[in-house]
Amino acid sequence: MEPTEFSNNWENFIKMLLHRLDIPTKEDLTNIHKRLDKLEQLIYQDHPSSRQKNKGRTPRKKSASSIVLSIIGNHPEGTNFKTIKAATGFDDKKLRNIIFRLDKIKKIQRVSRGIYKII
C-alpha cells in the first residue's frame, strides 16, 4: 500500500466521521464567519429611516453634574453649598458626591470649606 492511498483513505474516513457526527469542517466555519460578517455590516449600516426618527426626539436632559457646574459657573467668585442645594433641589448626599467628582476631575476648585468655584 502506498502512502498516498493510506492518506486518502484516512482523509475519507475523517470526512465520513465528521459528516456522520454532524461536526462542522473548517470550510463550514469559514462560511459561517463570512455570513456573520455580512449580517453585522447590515446591522451597523446607517439607514436613512433611522436618521428621520432621531430628528423628532426632544433634547436630552442635562446631567446632574452639568447642572451643578453651571450653577457654580454663574458665581465667578465662588458659591457655597447652601446656594447650590437651593438652586438644584438635590439632597445633601447626591450634591456632595457630585461636588467631590467635579473637584476630583479638576472642573471646580474648593476655595474654602463649603465654597466652590470653576477653575
PDB file of N, CA and C in Angstrom:
ATOM      1  N   MET A   1       0.841  -1.176   0.000  1.00  0.00           N
ATOM      2  CA  MET A   1       0.000   0.000   0.000  1.00  0.00           C
ATOM      3  C   MET A   1       0.880   1.231   0.000  1.00  0.00           C
ATOM      4  N   GLU A   2       0.594   2.160  -0.877  1.00  0.00           N
ATOM      5  CA  GLU A   2       1.375   3.393  -0.976  1.00  0.00           C
ATOM      6  C   GLU A   2       0.928   4.388   0.085  1.00  0.00           C
ATOM      7  N   PRO A   3       1.833   5.304   0.456  1.00  0.00           N
ATOM      8  CA  PRO A   3       1.469   6.303   1.471  1.00  0.00           C
ATOM      9  C   PRO A   3       0.332   7.212   1.029  1.00  0.00           C
ATOM     10  N   THR A   4       0.230   7.497  -0.268  1.00  0.00           N
ATOM     11  CA  THR A   4      -0.842   8.379  -0.729  1.00  0.00           C
ATOM     12  C   THR A   4      -2.200   7.700  -0.604  1.00  0.00           C
ATOM     13  N   GLU A   5      -2.246   6.382  -0.878  1.00  0.00           N
ATOM     14  CA  GLU A   5      -3.503   5.651  -0.735  1.00  0.00           C
ATOM     15  C   GLU A   5      -3.953   5.659   0.719  1.00  0.00           C
ATOM     16  N   PHE A   6      -2.999   5.430   1.606  1.00  0.00           N
ATOM     17  CA  PHE A   6      -3.307   5.407   3.029  1.00  0.00           C
ATOM     18  C   PHE A   6      -3.812   6.771   3.500  1.00  0.00           C
ATOM     19  N   SER A   7      -3.143   7.843   3.025  1.00  0.00           N
ATOM     20  CA  SER A   7      -3.571   9.174   3.440  1.00  0.00           C
ATOM     21  C   SER A   7      -4.934   9.521   2.854  1.00  0.00           C
ATOM     22  N   ASN A   8      -5.214   9.101   1.620  1.00  0.00           N
ATOM     23  CA  ASN A   8      -6.527   9.334   1.023  1.00  0.00           C
ATOM     24  C   ASN A   8      -7.609   8.594   1.794  1.00  0.00           C
ATOM     25  N   ASN A   9      -7.330   7.371   2.149  1.00  0.00           N
ATOM     26  CA  ASN A   9      -8.307   6.597   2.924  1.00  0.00           C
ATOM     27  C   ASN A   9      -8.527   7.251   4.290  1.00  0.00           C
ATOM     28  N   TRP A  10      -7.473   7.710   4.865  1.00  0.00           N
ATOM     29  CA  TRP A  10      -7.568   8.352   6.180  1.00  0.00           C
ATOM     30  C   TRP A  10      -8.400   9.646   6.077  1.00  0.00           C
ATOM     31  N   GLU A  11      -8.139  10.436   5.051  1.00  0.00           N
ATOM     32  CA  GLU A  11      -8.907  11.669   4.850  1.00  0.00           C
ATOM     33  C   GLU A  11     -10.386  11.366   4.619  1.00  0.00           C
ATOM     34  N   ASN A  12     -10.654  10.353   3.820  1.00  0.00           N
ATOM     35  CA  ASN A  12     -12.040   9.960   3.558  1.00  0.00           C
ATOM     36  C   ASN A  12     -12.724   9.479   4.834  1.00  0.00           C
ATOM     37  N   PHE A  13     -11.964   8.742   5.630  1.00  0.00           N
ATOM     38  CA  PHE A  13     -12.514   8.266   6.890  1.00  0.00           C
ATOM     39  C   PHE A  13     -12.869   9.442   7.812  1.00  0.00           C
ATOM     40  N   ILE A  14     -11.975  10.419   7.896  1.00  0.00           N
ATOM     41  CA  ILE A  14     -12.215  11.590   8.743  1.00  0.00           C
ATOM     42  C   ILE A  14     -13.423  12.375   8.235  1.00  0.00           C
ATOM     43  N   LYS A  15     -13.493  12.596   6.924  1.00  0.00           N
ATOM     44  CA  LYS A  15     -14.626  13.319   6.350  1.00  0.00           C
ATOM     45  C   LYS A  15     -15.943  12.595   6.623  1.00  0.00           C
ATOM     46  N   MET A  16     -15.932  11.286   6.475  1.00  0.00           N
ATOM     47  CA  MET A  16     -17.128  10.495   6.723  1.00  0.00           C
ATOM     48  C   MET A  16     -17.524  10.581   8.195  1.00  0.00           C
ATOM     49  N   LEU A  17     -16.549  10.520   9.073  1.00  0.00           N
ATOM     50  CA  LEU A  17     -16.800  10.599  10.504  1.00  0.00           C
ATOM     51  C   LEU A  17     -17.363  11.972  10.887  1.00  0.00           C
ATOM     52  N   LEU A  18     -16.779  13.032  10.353  1.00  0.00           N
ATOM     53  CA  LEU A  18     -17.273  14.387  10.615  1.00  0.00           C
ATOM     54  C   LEU A  18     -18.705  14.550  10.123  1.00  0.00           C
ATOM     55  N   HIS A  19     -18.963  13.986   8.955  1.00  0.00           N
ATOM     56  CA  HIS A  19     -20.295  14.092   8.379  1.00  0.00           C
ATOM     57  C   HIS A  19     -21.320  13.338   9.219  1.00  0.00           C
ATOM     58  N   ARG A  20     -20.997  12.120   9.631  1.00  0.00           N
ATOM     59  CA  ARG A  20     -21.931  11.310  10.421  1.00  0.00           C
ATOM     60  C   ARG A  20     -22.177  11.898  11.807  1.00  0.00           C
ATOM     61  N   LEU A  21     -21.149  12.484  12.405  1.00  0.00           N
ATOM     62  CA  LEU A  21     -21.306  13.066  13.740  1.00  0.00           C
ATOM     63  C   LEU A  21     -21.794  14.511  13.678  1.00  0.00           C
ATOM     64  N   ASP A  22     -22.002  15.011  12.454  1.00  0.00           N
ATOM     65  CA  ASP A  22     -22.501  16.368  12.234  1.00  0.00           C
ATOM     66  C   ASP A  22     -21.582  17.418  12.873  1.00  0.00           C
ATOM     67  N   ILE A  23     -20.287  17.248  12.652  1.00  0.00           N
ATOM     68  CA  ILE A  23     -19.277  18.183  13.155  1.00  0.00           C
ATOM     69  C   ILE A  23     -18.883  19.094  12.001  1.00  0.00           C
ATOM     70  N   PRO A  24     -18.941  20.410  12.204  1.00  0.00           N
ATOM     71  CA  PRO A  24     -18.613  21.321  11.100  1.00  0.00           C
ATOM     72  C   PRO A  24     -17.125  21.266  10.736  1.00  0.00           C
ATOM     73  N   THR A  25     -16.874  21.412   9.456  1.00  0.00           N
ATOM     74  CA  THR A  25     -15.493  21.436   8.979  1.00  0.00           C
ATOM     75  C   THR A  25     -14.973  22.864   9.001  1.00  0.00           C
ATOM     76  N   LYS A  26     -13.710  23.028   8.671  1.00  0.00           N
ATOM     77  CA  LYS A  26     -13.110  24.360   8.620  1.00  0.00           C
ATOM     78  C   LYS A  26     -13.804  25.212   7.559  1.00  0.00           C
ATOM     79  N   GLU A  27     -14.152  24.600   6.447  1.00  0.00           N
ATOM     80  CA  GLU A  27     -14.862  25.313   5.383  1.00  0.00           C
ATOM     81  C   GLU A  27     -16.230  25.798   5.871  1.00  0.00           C
ATOM     82  N   ASP A  28     -16.927  24.938   6.618  1.00  0.00           N
ATOM     83  CA  ASP A  28     -18.226  25.329   7.165  1.00  0.00           C
ATOM     84  C   ASP A  28     -18.079  26.528   8.097  1.00  0.00           C
ATOM     85  N   LEU A  29     -17.080  26.492   8.946  1.00  0.00           N
ATOM     86  CA  LEU A  29     -16.855  27.595   9.881  1.00  0.00           C
ATOM     87  C   LEU A  29     -16.490  28.882   9.149  1.00  0.00           C
ATOM     88  N   THR A  30     -15.702  28.777   8.108  1.00  0.00           N
ATOM     89  CA  THR A  30     -15.338  29.948   7.315  1.00  0.00           C
ATOM     90  C   THR A  30     -16.575  30.558   6.673  1.00  0.00           C
ATOM     91  N   ASN A  31     -17.437  29.724   6.127  1.00  0.00           N
ATOM     92  CA  ASN A  31     -18.685  30.219   5.524  1.00  0.00           C
ATOM     93  C   ASN A  31     -19.571  30.889   6.563  1.00  0.00           C
ATOM     94  N   ILE A  32     -19.640  30.320   7.750  1.00  0.00           N
ATOM     95  CA  ILE A  32     -20.448  30.915   8.820  1.00  0.00           C
ATOM     96  C   ILE A  32     -19.893  32.279   9.198  1.00  0.00           C
ATOM     97  N   HIS A  33     -18.568  32.387   9.288  1.00  0.00           N
ATOM     98  CA  HIS A  33     -17.942  33.672   9.633  1.00  0.00           C
ATOM     99  C   HIS A  33     -18.241  34.724   8.565  1.00  0.00           C
ATOM    100  N   LYS A  34     -18.187  34.323   7.302  1.00  0.00           N
ATOM    101  CA  LYS A  34     -18.498  35.263   6.226  1.00  0.00           C
ATOM    102  C   LYS A  34     -19.939  35.754   6.325  1.00  0.00           C
ATOM    103  N   ARG A  35     -20.853  34.834   6.602  1.00  0.00           N
ATOM    104  CA  ARG A  35     -22.263  35.215   6.720  1.00  0.00           C
ATOM    105  C   ARG A  35     -22.493  36.128   7.919  1.00  0.00           C
ATOM    106  N   LEU A  36     -21.791  35.845   9.026  1.00  0.00           N
ATOM    107  CA  LEU A  36     -21.910  36.701  10.209  1.00  0.00           C
ATOM    108  C   LEU A  36     -21.389  38.102   9.929  1.00  0.00           C
ATOM    109  N   ASP A  37     -20.285  38.185   9.206  1.00  0.00           N
ATOM    110  CA  ASP A  37     -19.735  39.496   8.853  1.00  0.00           C
ATOM    111  C   ASP A  37     -20.742  40.298   8.025  1.00  0.00           C
ATOM    112  N   LYS A  38     -21.385  39.629   7.066  1.00  0.00           N
ATOM    113  CA  LYS A  38     -22.385  40.313   6.248  1.00  0.00           C
ATOM    114  C   LYS A  38     -23.556  40.794   7.102  1.00  0.00           C
ATOM    115  N   LEU A  39     -23.991  39.954   8.030  1.00  0.00           N
ATOM    116  CA  LEU A  39     -25.097  40.341   8.909  1.00  0.00           C
ATOM    117  C   LEU A  39     -24.720  41.525   9.794  1.00  0.00           C
ATOM    118  N   GLU A  40     -23.506  41.525  10.339  1.00  0.00           N
ATOM    119  CA  GLU A  40     -23.055  42.643  11.165  1.00  0.00           C
ATOM    120  C   GLU A  40     -22.996  43.932  10.361  1.00  0.00           C
ATOM    121  N   GLN A  41     -22.544  43.831   9.121  1.00  0.00           N
ATOM    122  CA  GLN A  41     -22.498  45.022   8.272  1.00  0.00           C
ATOM    123  C   GLN A  41     -23.898  45.558   8.034  1.00  0.00           C
ATOM    124  N   LEU A  42     -24.865  44.691   7.844  1.00  0.00           N
ATOM    125  CA  LEU A  42     -26.242  45.127   7.643  1.00  0.00           C
ATOM    126  C   LEU A  42     -26.809  45.762   8.908  1.00  0.00           C
ATOM    127  N   ILE A  43     -26.466  45.213  10.055  1.00  0.00           N
ATOM    128  CA  ILE A  43     -26.969  45.759  11.315  1.00  0.00           C
ATOM    129  C   ILE A  43     -26.410  47.140  11.564  1.00  0.00           C
ATOM    130  N   TYR A  44     -25.105  47.310  11.365  1.00  0.00           N
ATOM    131  CA  TYR A  44     -24.453  48.574  11.678  1.00  0.00           C
ATOM    132  C   TYR A  44     -24.488  49.580  10.532  1.00  0.00           C
ATOM    133  N   GLN A  45     -25.089  49.179   9.417  1.00  0.00           N
ATOM    134  CA  GLN A  45     -25.197  50.089   8.285  1.00  0.00           C
ATOM    135  C   GLN A  45     -26.127  51.226   8.652  1.00  0.00           C
ATOM    136  N   ASP A  46     -25.788  52.426   8.215  1.00  0.00           N
ATOM    137  CA  ASP A  46     -26.577  53.603   8.554  1.00  0.00           C
ATOM    138  C   ASP A  46     -27.775  53.677   7.633  1.00  0.00           C
ATOM    139  N   HIS A  47     -28.969  53.514   8.194  1.00  0.00           N
ATOM    140  CA  HIS A  47     -30.190  53.563   7.408  1.00  0.00           C
ATOM    141  C   HIS A  47     -30.773  54.976   7.437  1.00  0.00           C
ATOM    142  N   PRO A  48     -31.260  55.489   6.305  1.00  0.00           N
ATOM    143  CA  PRO A  48     -31.864  56.819   6.281  1.00  0.00           C
ATOM    144  C   PRO A  48     -33.110  56.910   7.152  1.00  0.00           C
ATOM    145  N   SER A  49     -33.838  55.826   7.313  1.00  0.00           N
ATOM    146  CA  SER A  49     -35.053  55.870   8.124  1.00  0.00           C
ATOM    147  C   SER A  49     -34.726  56.094   9.595  1.00  0.00           C
ATOM    148  N   SER A  50     -33.575  55.608  10.066  1.00  0.00           N
ATOM    149  CA  SER A  50     -33.210  55.801  11.475  1.00  0.00           C
ATOM    150  C   SER A  50     -32.849  57.263  11.734  1.00  0.00           C
ATOM    151  N   ARG A  51     -32.321  57.953  10.750  1.00  0.00           N
ATOM    152  CA  ARG A  51     -31.992  59.375  10.919  1.00  0.00           C
ATOM    153  C   ARG A  51     -33.259  60.198  11.091  1.00  0.00           C
ATOM    154  N   GLN A  52     -34.294  59.856  10.350  1.00  0.00           N
ATOM    155  CA  GLN A  52     -35.532  60.597  10.425  1.00  0.00           C
ATOM    156  C   GLN A  52     -36.199  60.419  11.784  1.00  0.00           C
ATOM    157  N   LYS A  53     -36.082  59.267  12.387  1.00  0.00           N
ATOM    158  CA  LYS A  53     -36.667  59.024  13.686  1.00  0.00           C
ATOM    159  C   LYS A  53     -35.988  59.871  14.753  1.00  0.00           C
ATOM    160  N   ASN A  54     -34.673  60.021  14.666  1.00  0.00           N
ATOM    161  CA  ASN A  54     -33.928  60.771  15.669  1.00  0.00           C
ATOM    162  C   ASN A  54     -34.200  62.269  15.607  1.00  0.00           C
ATOM    163  N   LYS A  55     -34.612  62.768  14.446  1.00  0.00           N
ATOM    164  CA  LYS A  55     -34.845  64.212  14.307  1.00  0.00           C
ATOM    165  C   LYS A  55     -36.003  64.668  15.176  1.00  0.00           C
ATOM    166  N   GLY A  56     -36.982  63.828  15.402  1.00  0.00           N
ATOM    167  CA  GLY A  56     -38.157  64.204  16.158  1.00  0.00           C
ATOM    168  C   GLY A  56     -37.961  64.126  17.670  1.00  0.00           C
ATOM    169  N   ARG A  57     -36.832  63.649  18.129  1.00  0.00           N
ATOM    170  CA  ARG A  57     -36.601  63.493  19.555  1.00  0.00           C
ATOM    171  C   ARG A  57     -36.410  64.832  20.243  1.00  0.00           C
ATOM    172  N   THR A  58     -36.790  64.838  21.495  1.00  0.00           N
ATOM    173  CA  THR A  58     -36.523  66.015  22.311  1.00  0.00           C
ATOM    174  C   THR A  58     -35.091  65.926  22.802  1.00  0.00           C
ATOM    175  N   PRO A  59     -34.445  67.059  23.037  1.00  0.00           N
ATOM    176  CA  PRO A  59     -33.069  67.007  23.506  1.00  0.00           C
ATOM    177  C   PRO A  59     -33.002  66.362  24.886  1.00  0.00           C
ATOM    178  N   ARG A  60     -31.851  65.728  25.140  1.00  0.00           N
ATOM    179  CA  ARG A  60     -31.683  65.055  26.418  1.00  0.00           C
ATOM    180  C   ARG A  60     -31.556  66.064  27.544  1.00  0.00           C
ATOM    181  N   LYS A  61     -31.939  65.616  28.732  1.00  0.00           N
ATOM    182  CA  LYS A  61     -31.814  66.465  29.905  1.00  0.00           C
ATOM    183  C   LYS A  61     -30.345  66.604  30.264  1.00  0.00           C
ATOM    184  N   LYS A  62     -30.033  67.680  30.947  1.00  0.00           N
ATOM    185  CA  LYS A  62     -28.671  67.873  31.419  1.00  0.00           C
ATOM    186  C   LYS A  62     -28.390  66.892  32.544  1.00  0.00           C
ATOM    187  N   SER A  63     -27.159  66.486  32.649  1.00  0.00           N
ATOM    188  CA  SER A  63     -26.792  65.609  33.758  1.00  0.00           C
ATOM    189  C   SER A  63     -26.741  66.431  35.041  1.00  0.00           C
ATOM    190  N   ALA A  64     -26.800  65.741  36.161  1.00  0.00           N
ATOM    191  CA  ALA A  64     -26.771  66.415  37.458  1.00  0.00           C
ATOM    192  C   ALA A  64     -25.454  67.176  37.630  1.00  0.00           C
ATOM    193  N   SER A  65     -24.361  66.588  37.149  1.00  0.00           N
ATOM    194  CA  SER A  65     -23.058  67.252  37.262  1.00  0.00           C
ATOM    195  C   SER A  65     -23.018  68.530  36.445  1.00  0.00           C
ATOM    196  N   SER A  66     -23.593  68.501  35.248  1.00  0.00           N
ATOM    197  CA  SER A  66     -23.575  69.706  34.415  1.00  0.00           C
ATOM    198  C   SER A  66     -24.457  70.804  35.001  1.00  0.00           C
ATOM    199  N   ILE A  67     -25.538  70.403  35.671  1.00  0.00           N
ATOM    200  CA  ILE A  67     -26.393  71.393  36.328  1.00  0.00           C
ATOM    201  C   ILE A  67     -25.626  72.090  37.449  1.00  0.00           C
ATOM    202  N   VAL A  68     -24.960  71.282  38.287  1.00  0.00           N
ATOM    203  CA  VAL A  68     -24.180  71.844  39.396  1.00  0.00           C
ATOM    204  C   VAL A  68     -23.054  72.719  38.855  1.00  0.00           C
ATOM    205  N   LEU A  69     -22.401  72.256  37.792  1.00  0.00           N
ATOM    206  CA  LEU A  69     -21.303  73.012  37.200  1.00  0.00           C
ATOM    207  C   LEU A  69     -21.790  74.359  36.662  1.00  0.00           C
ATOM    208  N   SER A  70     -22.952  74.380  36.048  1.00  0.00           N
ATOM    209  CA  SER A  70     -23.460  75.647  35.520  1.00  0.00           C
ATOM    210  C   SER A  70     -23.839  76.609  36.648  1.00  0.00           C
ATOM    211  N   ILE A  71     -24.364  76.089  37.739  1.00  0.00           N
ATOM    212  CA  ILE A  71     -24.710  76.951  38.880  1.00  0.00           C
ATOM    213  C   ILE A  71     -23.448  77.539  39.499  1.00  0.00           C
ATOM    214  N   ILE A  72     -22.414  76.716  39.649  1.00  0.00           N
ATOM    215  CA  ILE A  72     -21.152  77.228  40.189  1.00  0.00           C
ATOM    216  C   ILE A  72     -20.548  78.243  39.216  1.00  0.00           C
ATOM    217  N   GLY A  73     -20.726  78.002  37.924  1.00  0.00           N
ATOM    218  CA  GLY A  73     -20.217  78.917  36.909  1.00  0.00           C
ATOM    219  C   GLY A  73     -20.895  80.272  36.917  1.00  0.00           C
ATOM    220  N   ASN A  74     -22.121  80.320  37.396  1.00  0.00           N
ATOM    221  CA  ASN A  74     -22.848  81.594  37.479  1.00  0.00           C
ATOM    222  C   ASN A  74     -22.288  82.506  38.567  1.00  0.00           C
ATOM    223  N   HIS A  75     -21.454  81.979  39.418  1.00  0.00           N
ATOM    224  CA  HIS A  75     -20.847  82.746  40.516  1.00  0.00           C
ATOM    225  C   HIS A  75     -19.326  82.695  40.363  1.00  0.00           C
ATOM    226  N   PRO A  76     -18.739  83.630  39.610  1.00  0.00           N
ATOM    227  CA  PRO A  76     -17.294  83.564  39.335  1.00  0.00           C
ATOM    228  C   PRO A  76     -16.424  83.656  40.600  1.00  0.00           C
ATOM    229  N   GLU A  77     -16.918  84.333  41.623  1.00  0.00           N
ATOM    230  CA  GLU A  77     -16.125  84.454  42.855  1.00  0.00           C
ATOM    231  C   GLU A  77     -16.259  83.205  43.723  1.00  0.00           C
ATOM    232  N   GLY A  78     -17.211  82.349  43.404  1.00  0.00           N
ATOM    233  CA  GLY A  78     -17.437  81.117  44.152  1.00  0.00           C
ATOM    234  C   GLY A  78     -18.792  81.156  44.827  1.00  0.00           C
ATOM    235  N   THR A  79     -19.315  80.001  45.114  1.00  0.00           N
ATOM    236  CA  THR A  79     -20.616  79.909  45.775  1.00  0.00           C
ATOM    237  C   THR A  79     -20.579  78.823  46.822  1.00  0.00           C
ATOM    238  N   ASN A  80     -21.497  78.908  47.773  1.00  0.00           N
ATOM    239  CA  ASN A  80     -21.480  77.946  48.867  1.00  0.00           C
ATOM    240  C   ASN A  80     -22.433  76.783  48.615  1.00  0.00           C
ATOM    241  N   PHE A  81     -22.319  75.805  49.472  1.00  0.00           N
ATOM    242  CA  PHE A  81     -23.092  74.575  49.351  1.00  0.00           C
ATOM    243  C   PHE A  81     -24.589  74.847  49.438  1.00  0.00           C
ATOM    244  N   LYS A  82     -24.985  75.735  50.335  1.00  0.00           N
ATOM    245  CA  LYS A  82     -26.410  76.044  50.519  1.00  0.00           C
ATOM    246  C   LYS A  82     -27.031  76.618  49.252  1.00  0.00           C
ATOM    247  N   THR A  83     -26.315  77.504  48.595  1.00  0.00           N
ATOM    248  CA  THR A  83     -26.825  78.118  47.367  1.00  0.00           C
ATOM    249  C   THR A  83     -26.993  77.065  46.274  1.00  0.00           C
ATOM    250  N   ILE A  84     -26.009  76.189  46.152  1.00  0.00           N
ATOM    251  CA  ILE A  84     -26.083  75.131  45.134  1.00  0.00           C
ATOM    252  C   ILE A  84     -27.259  74.206  45.437  1.00  0.00           C
ATOM    253  N   LYS A  85     -27.417  73.855  46.707  1.00  0.00           N
ATOM    254  CA  LYS A  85     -28.508  72.965  47.103  1.00  0.00           C
ATOM    255  C   LYS A  85     -29.863  73.606  46.830  1.00  0.00           C
ATOM    256  N   ALA A  86     -29.994  74.881  47.148  1.00  0.00           N
ATOM    257  CA  ALA A  86     -31.263  75.576  46.913  1.00  0.00           C
ATOM    258  C   ALA A  86     -31.575  75.670  45.423  1.00  0.00           C
ATOM    259  N   ALA A  87     -30.564  75.877  44.596  1.00  0.00           N
ATOM    260  CA  ALA A  87     -30.780  76.037  43.161  1.00  0.00           C
ATOM    261  C   ALA A  87     -31.106  74.706  42.476  1.00  0.00           C
ATOM    262  N   THR A  88     -30.508  73.622  42.958  1.00  0.00           N
ATOM    263  CA  THR A  88     -30.710  72.330  42.300  1.00  0.00           C
ATOM    264  C   THR A  88     -31.844  71.521  42.903  1.00  0.00           C
ATOM    265  N   GLY A  89     -32.002  71.617  44.206  1.00  0.00           N
ATOM    266  CA  GLY A  89     -33.006  70.795  44.869  1.00  0.00           C
ATOM    267  C   GLY A  89     -32.512  69.387  45.157  1.00  0.00           C
ATOM    268  N   PHE A  90     -31.224  69.121  44.894  1.00  0.00           N
ATOM    269  CA  PHE A  90     -30.656  67.802  45.175  1.00  0.00           C
ATOM    270  C   PHE A  90     -30.478  67.622  46.674  1.00  0.00           C
ATOM    271  N   ASP A  91     -30.552  66.369  47.139  1.00  0.00           N
ATOM    272  CA  ASP A  91     -30.304  66.117  48.551  1.00  0.00           C
ATOM    273  C   ASP A  91     -28.800  66.217  48.848  1.00  0.00           C
ATOM    274  N   ASP A  92     -28.468  66.287  50.132  1.00  0.00           N
ATOM    275  CA  ASP A  92     -27.084  66.517  50.554  1.00  0.00           C
ATOM    276  C   ASP A  92     -26.113  65.488  49.980  1.00  0.00           C
ATOM    277  N   LYS A  93     -26.459  64.205  50.114  1.00  0.00           N
ATOM    278  CA  LYS A  93     -25.531  63.147  49.696  1.00  0.00           C
ATOM    279  C   LYS A  93     -25.235  63.224  48.199  1.00  0.00           C
ATOM    280  N   LYS A  94     -26.273  63.384  47.397  1.00  0.00           N
ATOM    281  CA  LYS A  94     -26.091  63.463  45.947  1.00  0.00           C
ATOM    282  C   LYS A  94     -25.231  64.667  45.583  1.00  0.00           C
ATOM    283  N   LEU A  95     -25.503  65.789  46.201  1.00  0.00           N
ATOM    284  CA  LEU A  95     -24.762  67.010  45.912  1.00  0.00           C
ATOM    285  C   LEU A  95     -23.301  66.891  46.345  1.00  0.00           C
ATOM    286  N   ARG A  96     -23.056  66.299  47.490  1.00  0.00           N
ATOM    287  CA  ARG A  96     -21.666  66.120  47.952  1.00  0.00           C
ATOM    288  C   ARG A  96     -20.886  65.203  47.009  1.00  0.00           C
ATOM    289  N   ASN A  97     -21.546  64.146  46.542  1.00  0.00           N
ATOM    290  CA  ASN A  97     -20.883  63.229  45.597  1.00  0.00           C
ATOM    291  C   ASN A  97     -20.553  63.940  44.283  1.00  0.00           C
ATOM    292  N   ILE A  98     -21.481  64.740  43.803  1.00  0.00           N
ATOM    293  CA  ILE A  98     -21.248  65.476  42.550  1.00  0.00           C
ATOM    294  C   ILE A  98     -20.093  66.452  42.721  1.00  0.00           C
ATOM    295  N   ILE A  99     -20.100  67.198  43.820  1.00  0.00           N
ATOM    296  CA  ILE A  99     -19.032  68.168  44.070  1.00  0.00           C
ATOM    297  C   ILE A  99     -17.691  67.451  44.213  1.00  0.00           C
ATOM    298  N   PHE A 100     -17.679  66.318  44.887  1.00  0.00           N
ATOM    299  CA  PHE A 100     -16.441  65.547  45.040  1.00  0.00           C
ATOM    300  C   PHE A 100     -15.900  65.120  43.677  1.00  0.00           C
ATOM    301  N   ARG A 101     -16.785  64.601  42.815  1.00  0.00           N
ATOM    302  CA  ARG A 101     -16.342  64.162  41.477  1.00  0.00           C
ATOM    303  C   ARG A 101     -15.843  65.334  40.642  1.00  0.00           C
ATOM    304  N   LEU A 102     -16.560  66.451  40.685  1.00  0.00           N
ATOM    305  CA  LEU A 102     -16.139  67.622  39.896  1.00  0.00           C
ATOM    306  C   LEU A 102     -14.791  68.142  40.384  1.00  0.00           C
ATOM    307  N   ASP A 103     -14.573  68.099  41.691  1.00  0.00           N
ATOM    308  CA  ASP A 103     -13.283  68.517  42.245  1.00  0.00           C
ATOM    309  C   ASP A 103     -12.186  67.534  41.850  1.00  0.00           C
ATOM    310  N   LYS A 104     -12.517  66.263  41.850  1.00  0.00           N
ATOM    311  CA  LYS A 104     -11.536  65.229  41.518  1.00  0.00           C
ATOM    312  C   LYS A 104     -11.071  65.336  40.061  1.00  0.00           C
ATOM    313  N   ILE A 105     -11.993  65.667  39.165  1.00  0.00           N
ATOM    314  CA  ILE A 105     -11.617  65.777  37.744  1.00  0.00           C
ATOM    315  C   ILE A 105     -11.195  67.200  37.381  1.00  0.00           C
ATOM    316  N   LYS A 106     -10.992  68.030  38.393  1.00  0.00           N
ATOM    317  CA  LYS A 106     -10.454  69.394  38.237  1.00  0.00           C
ATOM    318  C   LYS A 106     -11.363  70.312  37.422  1.00  0.00           C
ATOM    319  N   LYS A 107     -12.675  70.156  37.571  1.00  0.00           N
ATOM    320  CA  LYS A 107     -13.622  71.073  36.928  1.00  0.00           C
ATOM    321  C   LYS A 107     -13.919  72.258  37.844  1.00  0.00           C
ATOM    322  N   ILE A 108     -13.889  71.987  39.152  1.00  0.00           N
ATOM    323  CA  ILE A 108     -14.115  73.055  40.124  1.00  0.00           C
ATOM    324  C   ILE A 108     -12.968  73.073  41.131  1.00  0.00           C
ATOM    325  N   GLN A 109     -12.899  74.145  41.876  1.00  0.00           N
ATOM    326  CA  GLN A 109     -11.849  74.299  42.883  1.00  0.00           C
ATOM    327  C   GLN A 109     -12.506  74.644  44.210  1.00  0.00           C
ATOM    328  N   ARG A 110     -12.016  74.059  45.265  1.00  0.00           N
ATOM    329  CA  ARG A 110     -12.527  74.367  46.596  1.00  0.00           C
ATOM    330  C   ARG A 110     -11.768  75.587  47.109  1.00  0.00           C
ATOM    331  N   VAL A 111     -12.450  76.717  47.233  1.00  0.00           N
ATOM    332  CA  VAL A 111     -11.837  77.965  47.695  1.00  0.00           C
ATOM    333  C   VAL A 111     -11.605  77.879  49.197  1.00  0.00           C
ATOM    334  N   SER A 112     -12.638  77.522  49.915  1.00  0.00           N
ATOM    335  CA  SER A 112     -12.548  77.284  51.351  1.00  0.00           C
ATOM    336  C   SER A 112     -13.627  76.268  51.687  1.00  0.00           C
ATOM    337  N   ARG A 113     -13.799  75.960  52.940  1.00  0.00           N
ATOM    338  CA  ARG A 113     -14.768  74.939  53.307  1.00  0.00           C
ATOM    339  C   ARG A 113     -16.178  75.360  52.877  1.00  0.00           C
ATOM    340  N   GLY A 114     -16.774  74.533  51.975  1.00  0.00           N
ATOM    341  CA  GLY A 114     -18.121  74.791  51.519  1.00  0.00           C
ATOM    342  C   GLY A 114     -18.244  75.832  50.425  1.00  0.00           C
ATOM    343  N   ILE A 115     -17.141  76.405  49.957  1.00  0.00           N
ATOM    344  CA  ILE A 115     -17.158  77.421  48.887  1.00  0.00           C
ATOM    345  C   ILE A 115     -16.426  76.846  47.674  1.00  0.00           C
ATOM    346  N   TYR A 116     -17.098  76.864  46.515  1.00  0.00           N
ATOM    347  CA  TYR A 116     -16.536  76.274  45.310  1.00  0.00           C
ATOM    348  C   TYR A 116     -16.652  77.257  44.150  1.00  0.00           C
ATOM    349  N   LYS A 117     -15.652  77.172  43.235  1.00  0.00           N
ATOM    350  CA  LYS A 117     -15.706  77.980  42.019  1.00  0.00           C
ATOM    351  C   LYS A 117     -15.128  77.171  40.871  1.00  0.00           C
ATOM    352  N   ILE A 118     -15.443  77.621  39.672  1.00  0.00           N
ATOM    353  CA  ILE A 118     -14.948  76.936  38.466  1.00  0.00           C
ATOM    354  C   ILE A 118     -13.490  77.327  38.239  1.00  0.00           C
ATOM    355  N   ILE A 119     -12.722  76.347  37.803  1.00  0.00           N
ATOM    356  CA  ILE A 119     -11.308  76.605  37.512  1.00  0.00           C
ATOM    357  C   ILE A 119     -11.186  77.282  36.165  1.00  0.00           C
TER     358      ILE A 119
END
